[in-house]
C-alpha atoms as a PDB file:
ATOM      1  CA  UNK A   1     -22.903  11.206   9.981  1.00  0.00           C
ATOM      2  CA  UNK A   2     -24.503  11.330   6.524  1.00  0.00           C
ATOM      3  CA  UNK A   3     -21.466   9.938   4.721  1.00  0.00           C
ATOM      4  CA  UNK A   4     -21.593   6.750   6.805  1.00  0.00           C
ATOM      5  CA  UNK A   5     -25.077   5.971   5.470  1.00  0.00           C
ATOM      6  CA  UNK A   6     -23.824   6.448   1.924  1.00  0.00           C
ATOM      7  CA  UNK A   7     -20.937   4.091   2.710  1.00  0.00           C
ATOM      8  CA  UNK A   8     -23.351   1.380   3.766  1.00  0.00           C
ATOM      9  CA  UNK A   9     -25.391   1.850   0.608  1.00  0.00           C
ATOM     10  CA  UNK A  10     -22.288   1.645  -1.586  1.00  0.00           C
ATOM     11  CA  UNK A  11     -21.043  -1.431   0.266  1.00  0.00           C
ATOM     12  CA  UNK A  12     -24.285  -3.275  -0.425  1.00  0.00           C
ATOM     13  CA  UNK A  13     -24.190  -2.224  -4.097  1.00  0.00           C
ATOM     14  CA  UNK A  14     -27.865  -1.239  -4.222  1.00  0.00           C
ATOM     15  CA  UNK A  15     -29.536  -0.192  -7.496  1.00  0.00           C
ATOM     16  CA  UNK A  16     -28.526   3.286  -8.607  1.00  0.00           C
ATOM     17  CA  UNK A  17     -24.990   2.916  -7.294  1.00  0.00           C
ATOM     18  CA  UNK A  18     -22.271   2.375  -9.896  1.00  0.00           C
ATOM     19  CA  UNK A  19     -21.293  -1.280  -9.872  1.00  0.00           C
ATOM     20  CA  UNK A  20     -18.426  -0.844 -12.334  1.00  0.00           C
ATOM     21  CA  UNK A  21     -16.066   0.507  -9.699  1.00  0.00           C
ATOM     22  CA  UNK A  22     -14.276  -2.134  -7.702  1.00  0.00           C
ATOM     23  CA  UNK A  23     -10.807  -0.648  -7.171  1.00  0.00           C
ATOM     24  CA  UNK A  24     -10.080   2.972  -6.334  1.00  0.00           C
ATOM     25  CA  UNK A  25      -6.515   4.298  -6.588  1.00  0.00           C
ATOM     26  CA  UNK A  26      -5.502   6.938  -4.035  1.00  0.00           C
ATOM     27  CA  UNK A  27      -2.543   9.275  -4.327  1.00  0.00           C
ATOM     28  CA  UNK A  28      -1.511  12.334  -2.354  1.00  0.00           C
ATOM     29  CA  UNK A  29       1.446  14.539  -1.642  1.00  0.00           C
ATOM     30  CA  UNK A  30       2.484  15.542   1.872  1.00  0.00           C
ATOM     31  CA  UNK A  31      -0.305  18.141   2.153  1.00  0.00           C
ATOM     32  CA  UNK A  32      -2.935  15.565   1.254  1.00  0.00           C
ATOM     33  CA  UNK A  33      -1.526  12.680   3.276  1.00  0.00           C
ATOM     34  CA  UNK A  34      -3.875  13.021   6.259  1.00  0.00           C
ATOM     35  CA  UNK A  35      -7.026  13.435   4.153  1.00  0.00           C
ATOM     36  CA  UNK A  36      -5.965  10.459   2.000  1.00  0.00           C
ATOM     37  CA  UNK A  37      -5.927   8.357   5.172  1.00  0.00           C
ATOM     38  CA  UNK A  38      -9.523   9.319   5.989  1.00  0.00           C
ATOM     39  CA  UNK A  39     -10.578   8.526   2.429  1.00  0.00           C
ATOM     40  CA  UNK A  40      -8.792   5.152   2.425  1.00  0.00           C
ATOM     41  CA  UNK A  41     -10.494   4.090   5.666  1.00  0.00           C
ATOM     42  CA  UNK A  42     -13.862   5.273   4.370  1.00  0.00           C
ATOM     43  CA  UNK A  43     -13.508   3.360   1.093  1.00  0.00           C
ATOM     44  CA  UNK A  44     -12.316   0.178   2.787  1.00  0.00           C
ATOM     45  CA  UNK A  45     -15.287   0.297   5.156  1.00  0.00           C
ATOM     46  CA  UNK A  46     -17.553   0.705   2.120  1.00  0.00           C
ATOM     47  CA  UNK A  47     -16.190  -2.482   0.536  1.00  0.00           C
ATOM     48  CA  UNK A  48     -13.920  -1.020  -2.132  1.00  0.00           C
ATOM     49  CA  UNK A  49     -10.441  -2.318  -2.855  1.00  0.00           C
ATOM     50  CA  UNK A  50      -8.065   0.576  -2.205  1.00  0.00           C
ATOM     51  CA  UNK A  51      -4.852   0.906  -4.167  1.00  0.00           C
ATOM     52  CA  UNK A  52      -2.809   3.303  -2.032  1.00  0.00           C
ATOM     53  CA  UNK A  53      -0.075   4.825  -4.184  1.00  0.00           C
ATOM     54  CA  UNK A  54       1.363   7.041  -1.455  1.00  0.00           C
ATOM     55  CA  UNK A  55       2.736   9.188  -0.068  1.00  0.00           C
ATOM     56  CA  UNK A  56       3.048   7.456   3.259  1.00  0.00           C
ATOM     57  CA  UNK A  57       3.888  10.408   5.507  1.00  0.00           C
ATOM     58  CA  UNK A  58       3.687  14.183   5.764  1.00  0.00           C
ATOM     59  CA  UNK A  59       7.330  14.534   4.701  1.00  0.00           C
ATOM     60  CA  UNK A  60       7.664  16.867   1.707  1.00  0.00           C
ATOM     61  CA  UNK A  61       7.302  15.205  -1.703  1.00  0.00           C
ATOM     62  CA  UNK A  62       6.459  16.427  -5.201  1.00  0.00           C
ATOM     63  CA  UNK A  63       2.801  16.152  -6.225  1.00  0.00           C
ATOM     64  CA  UNK A  64       3.521  15.364  -9.916  1.00  0.00           C
ATOM     65  CA  UNK A  65       5.138  12.067  -8.927  1.00  0.00           C
ATOM     66  CA  UNK A  66       1.921  10.945  -7.222  1.00  0.00           C
ATOM     67  CA  UNK A  67      -0.383  12.332  -9.898  1.00  0.00           C
ATOM     68  CA  UNK A  68       1.570  10.318 -12.461  1.00  0.00           C
ATOM     69  CA  UNK A  69       1.398   7.134 -10.358  1.00  0.00           C
ATOM     70  CA  UNK A  70      -2.358   7.488 -10.120  1.00  0.00           C
ATOM     71  CA  UNK A  71      -2.716   8.165 -13.848  1.00  0.00           C
ATOM     72  CA  UNK A  72      -0.599   5.116 -14.647  1.00  0.00           C
ATOM     73  CA  UNK A  73      -2.892   2.934 -12.499  1.00  0.00           C
ATOM     74  CA  UNK A  74      -5.930   4.231 -14.406  1.00  0.00           C
ATOM     75  CA  UNK A  75      -4.180   3.774 -17.767  1.00  0.00           C
ATOM     76  CA  UNK A  76      -3.161   0.205 -16.887  1.00  0.00           C
ATOM     77  CA  UNK A  77      -6.686  -0.676 -15.753  1.00  0.00           C
ATOM     78  CA  UNK A  78      -5.443  -1.485 -12.256  1.00  0.00           C
ATOM     79  CA  UNK A  79      -8.124   0.873 -10.881  1.00  0.00           C
ATOM     80  CA  UNK A  80     -11.382   2.056 -12.385  1.00  0.00           C
ATOM     81  CA  UNK A  81     -11.388   5.377 -10.517  1.00  0.00           C
ATOM     82  CA  UNK A  82      -8.818   7.510  -8.766  1.00  0.00           C
ATOM     83  CA  UNK A  83      -8.736  10.098  -6.027  1.00  0.00           C
ATOM     84  CA  UNK A  84      -5.884  12.605  -5.968  1.00  0.00           C
ATOM     85  CA  UNK A  85      -5.196  14.963  -3.073  1.00  0.00           C
ATOM     86  CA  UNK A  86      -2.668  17.753  -2.662  1.00  0.00           C
ATOM     87  CA  UNK A  87      -2.841  21.106  -0.905  1.00  0.00           C
ATOM     88  CA  UNK A  88      -5.152  22.737  -3.441  1.00  0.00           C
ATOM     89  CA  UNK A  89      -5.998  19.759  -5.657  1.00  0.00           C
ATOM     90  CA  UNK A  90      -4.847  21.768  -8.652  1.00  0.00           C
ATOM     91  CA  UNK A  91      -1.268  20.517  -9.080  1.00  0.00           C
ATOM     92  CA  UNK A  92      -1.931  16.816  -8.651  1.00  0.00           C
ATOM     93  CA  UNK A  93      -4.955  17.112 -10.951  1.00  0.00           C
ATOM     94  CA  UNK A  94      -2.863  18.785 -13.645  1.00  0.00           C
ATOM     95  CA  UNK A  95      -0.259  16.028 -13.322  1.00  0.00           C
ATOM     96  CA  UNK A  96      -2.874  13.279 -13.659  1.00  0.00           C
ATOM     97  CA  UNK A  97      -4.437  15.011 -16.659  1.00  0.00           C
ATOM     98  CA  UNK A  98      -1.136  14.728 -18.570  1.00  0.00           C
ATOM     99  CA  UNK A  99      -2.302  11.207 -19.440  1.00  0.00           C
ATOM    100  CA  UNK A 100      -4.862  11.070 -22.258  1.00  0.00           C
ATOM    101  CA  UNK A 101      -6.992   8.407 -20.544  1.00  0.00           C
ATOM    102  CA  UNK A 102      -7.404  10.503 -17.403  1.00  0.00           C
ATOM    103  CA  UNK A 103     -10.151  13.035 -16.887  1.00  0.00           C
ATOM    104  CA  UNK A 104      -9.359  14.505 -13.459  1.00  0.00           C
ATOM    105  CA  UNK A 105     -11.869  16.971 -12.048  1.00  0.00           C
ATOM    106  CA  UNK A 106     -11.145  19.310  -9.156  1.00  0.00           C
ATOM    107  CA  UNK A 107     -14.193  19.267  -6.888  1.00  0.00           C
ATOM    108  CA  UNK A 108     -14.967  21.143  -3.686  1.00  0.00           C
ATOM    109  CA  UNK A 109     -18.528  19.896  -3.137  1.00  0.00           C
ATOM    110  CA  UNK A 110     -20.755  16.933  -3.948  1.00  0.00           C
ATOM    111  CA  UNK A 111     -22.590  18.730  -6.753  1.00  0.00           C
ATOM    112  CA  UNK A 112     -19.324  19.286  -8.610  1.00  0.00           C
ATOM    113  CA  UNK A 113     -18.440  15.610  -8.115  1.00  0.00           C
ATOM    114  CA  UNK A 114     -21.846  14.582  -9.435  1.00  0.00           C
ATOM    115  CA  UNK A 115     -21.580  16.748 -12.547  1.00  0.00           C
ATOM    116  CA  UNK A 116     -17.974  15.675 -13.137  1.00  0.00           C
ATOM    117  CA  UNK A 117     -19.171  12.071 -13.439  1.00  0.00           C
ATOM    118  CA  UNK A 118     -22.501  12.657 -15.187  1.00  0.00           C
ATOM    119  CA  UNK A 119     -21.386  15.234 -17.757  1.00  0.00           C
ATOM    120  CA  UNK A 120     -17.609  14.809 -18.073  1.00  0.00           C
ATOM    121  CA  UNK A 121     -17.095  11.108 -17.357  1.00  0.00           C
ATOM    122  CA  UNK A 122     -14.329  12.102 -14.948  1.00  0.00           C
ATOM    123  CA  UNK A 123     -12.401   9.091 -13.723  1.00  0.00           C
ATOM    124  CA  UNK A 124     -10.235  10.930 -11.184  1.00  0.00           C
ATOM    125  CA  UNK A 125     -11.490  13.129  -8.370  1.00  0.00           C
ATOM    126  CA  UNK A 126      -8.978  15.802  -7.338  1.00  0.00           C
ATOM    127  CA  UNK A 127      -9.363  17.614  -4.019  1.00  0.00           C
ATOM    128  CA  UNK A 128      -7.425  20.172  -2.018  1.00  0.00           C
ATOM    129  CA  UNK A 129      -6.762  19.149   1.573  1.00  0.00           C
ATOM    130  CA  UNK A 130      -6.192  22.770   2.573  1.00  0.00           C
ATOM    131  CA  UNK A 131      -9.536  23.821   1.071  1.00  0.00           C
ATOM    132  CA  UNK A 132     -12.009  21.092   2.053  1.00  0.00           C
ATOM    133  CA  UNK A 133     -12.995  19.512   5.364  1.00  0.00           C
ATOM    134  CA  UNK A 134     -13.112  15.745   5.856  1.00  0.00           C
ATOM    135  CA  UNK A 135     -16.899  15.469   5.859  1.00  0.00           C
ATOM    136  CA  UNK A 136     -17.240  17.403   2.602  1.00  0.00           C
ATOM    137  CA  UNK A 137     -14.410  15.405   1.033  1.00  0.00           C
ATOM    138  CA  UNK A 138     -16.082  12.110   1.932  1.00  0.00           C
ATOM    139  CA  UNK A 139     -19.365  13.398   0.522  1.00  0.00           C
ATOM    140  CA  UNK A 140     -17.537  14.203  -2.727  1.00  0.00           C
ATOM    141  CA  UNK A 141     -16.017  10.717  -2.751  1.00  0.00           C
ATOM    142  CA  UNK A 142     -19.353   8.985  -2.183  1.00  0.00           C
ATOM    143  CA  UNK A 143     -21.051  11.029  -4.883  1.00  0.00           C
ATOM    144  CA  UNK A 144     -18.186  10.595  -7.340  1.00  0.00           C
ATOM    145  CA  UNK A 145     -18.224   6.824  -6.935  1.00  0.00           C
ATOM    146  CA  UNK A 146     -22.000   6.448  -7.059  1.00  0.00           C
ATOM    147  CA  UNK A 147     -22.664   8.389 -10.266  1.00  0.00           C
ATOM    148  CA  UNK A 148     -22.448   7.104 -13.828  1.00  0.00           C
ATOM    149  CA  UNK A 149     -21.706   8.978 -17.028  1.00  0.00           C
ATOM    150  CA  UNK A 150     -24.943  10.062 -18.716  1.00  0.00           C
ATOM    151  CA  UNK A 151     -23.554   9.853 -22.242  1.00  0.00           C
ATOM    152  CA  UNK A 152     -25.965  11.274 -24.792  1.00  0.00           C
ATOM    153  CA  UNK A 153     -25.303  14.931 -25.537  1.00  0.00           C
ATOM    154  CA  UNK A 154     -22.159  14.790 -23.390  1.00  0.00           C
ATOM    155  CA  UNK A 155     -20.498  11.884 -25.192  1.00  0.00           C
ATOM    156  CA  UNK A 156     -19.230  13.793 -28.223  1.00  0.00           C
ATOM    157  CA  UNK A 157     -17.730  16.479 -26.016  1.00  0.00           C
ATOM    158  CA  UNK A 158     -15.984  13.975 -23.796  1.00  0.00           C
ATOM    159  CA  UNK A 159     -14.628  12.137 -26.842  1.00  0.00           C
ATOM    160  CA  UNK A 160     -12.945  15.371 -27.945  1.00  0.00           C
ATOM    161  CA  UNK A 161     -11.008  15.586 -24.678  1.00  0.00           C
ATOM    162  CA  UNK A 162      -8.509  12.879 -25.617  1.00  0.00           C
ATOM    163  CA  UNK A 163      -7.962  14.087 -29.180  1.00  0.00           C
ATOM    164  CA  UNK A 164      -5.616  17.020 -28.595  1.00  0.00           C
ATOM    165  CA  UNK A 165      -2.126  17.347 -27.278  1.00  0.00           C
ATOM    166  CA  UNK A 166       1.246  15.951 -28.062  1.00  0.00           C
END
């Protein structure tokens, strides 16, 4: 029941809750399809605009295709944050991280989601539907969307993240 209280707080945009996030992009492969549905309903109830990038069933698809769609939405500014779900969260996160503007963080609990935002300025939350239950996933989502980047000592490190690669 705890995540419903957080949803109400986020919906009312109370102080301490990030007000920069208006649209959240969601993407999942077949393994993450069901969890993506729970997340979409949760976000809609909390007052966020949800950009659902698929997949739309549990029929087998390739996670890179959906990781790329999510990354493109972040890169285009269509969404301020993204949530990517596959079986483990690893593959779709790797795919999203192929884009320099994306900082996808694989999280399995709310503390990881909190630190991903505060210290790493992560803009995509990656989760594994086979490894996390719905309640924990929604707790990660709420935390991820309510935290801001701390900057300061972390800013220089985060700036280095987009400077390598081809």
